[in-house]
Amino acid sequence: MADTSDTRNPAQIEADIKRRRDVLAETLDEIGVRVHPKTIVGDAKAKVVSTLDHTVGRAYVGVNRVVGDVKAQFVDEEGAPRLERVVPVALVVVGVVGLLAFGARRRKR
């Protein structure tokens, strides 16, 4: 059998009910904001943008590192080109471009 003895008076019970009703209304308002489609879409967009920014930032750092490493292969500490490395690469590039041009010319005939 449940204990039904309550020492509160009716005014205290009504005040408690009102307080609980206010807390419940506030909670329902918060839930309504959280499940609103605009809120969900906004949160999803923010997450995608954050992930994309992080990914782009990491890619930038990686590319920057690779470019720096390649540059270090062709330029000395003073900024002067390393001809012993630049000339062979330039010859290879000219050769490849020449072969591509020659191949394209043969295909046209």
Protein backbone atom coordinates (compact mmCIF):
# COMPACT_ATOMS: atom_id res chain seq x y z
CA MET A 1 0.00 0.00 0.00
CA ALA A 2 1.40 3.41 -0.99
CA ASP A 3 2.05 6.16 1.53
CA THR A 4 -0.50 8.87 0.74
CA SER A 5 0.34 11.14 3.66
CA ASP A 6 1.53 14.47 2.25
CA THR A 7 2.45 17.26 4.63
CA ARG A 8 2.27 19.92 1.94
CA ASN A 9 -0.67 22.24 1.72
CA PRO A 10 -2.61 22.78 -1.55
CA ALA A 11 -0.71 26.01 -2.36
CA GLN A 12 2.64 24.22 -2.09
CA ILE A 13 1.40 21.38 -4.29
CA GLU A 14 0.13 23.86 -6.89
CA ALA A 15 3.45 25.74 -6.81
CA ASP A 16 5.33 22.44 -7.29
CA ILE A 17 3.07 21.48 -10.19
CA LYS A 18 3.60 24.92 -11.79
CA ARG A 19 7.38 24.66 -11.38
CA ARG A 20 7.46 21.19 -12.90
CA ARG A 21 5.20 22.34 -15.73
CA ASP A 22 7.60 25.25 -16.47
CA VAL A 23 10.62 22.92 -16.46
CA LEU A 24 8.79 20.51 -18.76
CA ALA A 25 7.81 23.34 -21.14
CA GLU A 26 11.42 24.54 -21.28
CA THR A 27 12.63 21.01 -21.98
CA LEU A 28 10.06 20.57 -24.75
CA ASP A 29 11.11 23.90 -26.29
CA GLU A 30 14.75 22.75 -26.31
CA ILE A 31 13.78 19.45 -27.92
CA GLY A 32 11.72 21.32 -30.51
CA VAL A 33 14.71 23.47 -31.45
CA ARG A 34 17.04 20.46 -31.64
CA VAL A 35 14.76 18.42 -33.91
CA HIS A 36 13.74 21.33 -36.15
CA PRO A 37 14.82 20.62 -39.75
CA LYS A 38 16.68 23.94 -40.03
CA THR A 39 18.69 23.12 -36.91
CA ILE A 40 19.51 19.63 -38.16
CA VAL A 41 20.54 20.95 -41.59
CA GLY A 42 22.58 23.75 -40.00
CA ASP A 43 24.40 21.30 -37.73
CA ALA A 44 25.09 18.97 -40.67
CA LYS A 45 26.42 21.85 -42.78
CA ALA A 46 28.67 23.02 -39.95
CA LYS A 47 30.05 19.51 -39.51
CA VAL A 48 30.73 19.13 -43.25
CA VAL A 49 32.42 22.54 -43.42
CA SER A 50 34.56 21.72 -40.40
CA THR A 51 35.58 18.36 -41.85
CA LEU A 52 36.28 19.91 -45.24
CA ASP A 53 38.35 22.72 -43.71
CA HIS A 54 40.37 20.16 -41.76
CA THR A 55 40.89 17.99 -44.84
CA VAL A 56 41.85 20.94 -47.06
CA GLY A 57 44.23 22.20 -44.39
CA ARG A 58 45.94 18.82 -44.13
CA ALA A 59 46.15 18.57 -47.93
CA TYR A 60 47.65 22.06 -48.12
CA VAL A 61 50.29 21.19 -45.56
CA GLY A 62 51.10 17.95 -47.41
CA VAL A 63 51.34 19.64 -50.80
CA ASN A 64 53.40 22.46 -49.34
CA ARG A 65 55.83 19.90 -47.88
CA VAL A 66 56.14 18.07 -51.21
CA VAL A 67 56.67 21.32 -53.12
CA GLY A 68 59.35 22.33 -50.61
CA ASP A 69 61.07 18.96 -50.98
CA VAL A 70 61.02 19.18 -54.79
CA LYS A 71 62.23 22.76 -54.72
CA ALA A 72 65.10 21.72 -52.44
CA GLN A 73 66.16 19.23 -55.10
CA PHE A 74 66.50 21.94 -57.77
CA VAL A 75 67.52 25.02 -55.76
CA ASP A 76 70.37 25.33 -53.27
CA GLU A 77 70.16 27.05 -49.87
CA GLU A 78 71.01 30.42 -51.43
CA GLY A 79 68.22 30.19 -54.00
CA ALA A 80 70.48 29.50 -57.00
CA PRO A 81 69.37 26.73 -59.39
CA ARG A 82 71.26 23.44 -59.25
CA LEU A 83 72.16 23.13 -62.91
CA GLU A 84 73.39 19.55 -62.49
CA ARG A 85 69.77 18.61 -61.69
CA VAL A 86 67.82 21.21 -63.70
CA VAL A 87 69.44 20.52 -67.09
CA PRO A 88 68.73 16.74 -67.19
CA VAL A 89 65.11 17.28 -66.13
CA ALA A 90 64.67 20.01 -68.74
CA LEU A 91 66.07 17.69 -71.43
CA VAL A 92 63.68 14.93 -70.41
CA VAL A 93 60.73 17.35 -70.50
CA VAL A 94 61.72 18.63 -73.95
CA GLY A 95 62.08 15.04 -75.16
CA VAL A 96 58.66 13.99 -73.84
CA VAL A 97 56.98 17.06 -75.35
CA GLY A 98 58.72 16.35 -78.65
CA LEU A 99 57.55 12.74 -78.66
CA LEU A 100 53.99 13.78 -77.85
CA ALA A 101 54.01 16.38 -80.63
CA PHE A 102 55.48 13.89 -83.09
CA GLY A 103 52.87 11.28 -82.12
CA ALA A 104 50.03 13.75 -82.50
CA ARG A 105 51.34 14.80 -85.89
CA ARG A 106 51.52 11.18 -87.07
CA ARG A 107 47.92 10.52 -85.92
CA LYS A 108 46.63 13.46 -87.98
CA ARG A 109 47.93 11.94 -91.21
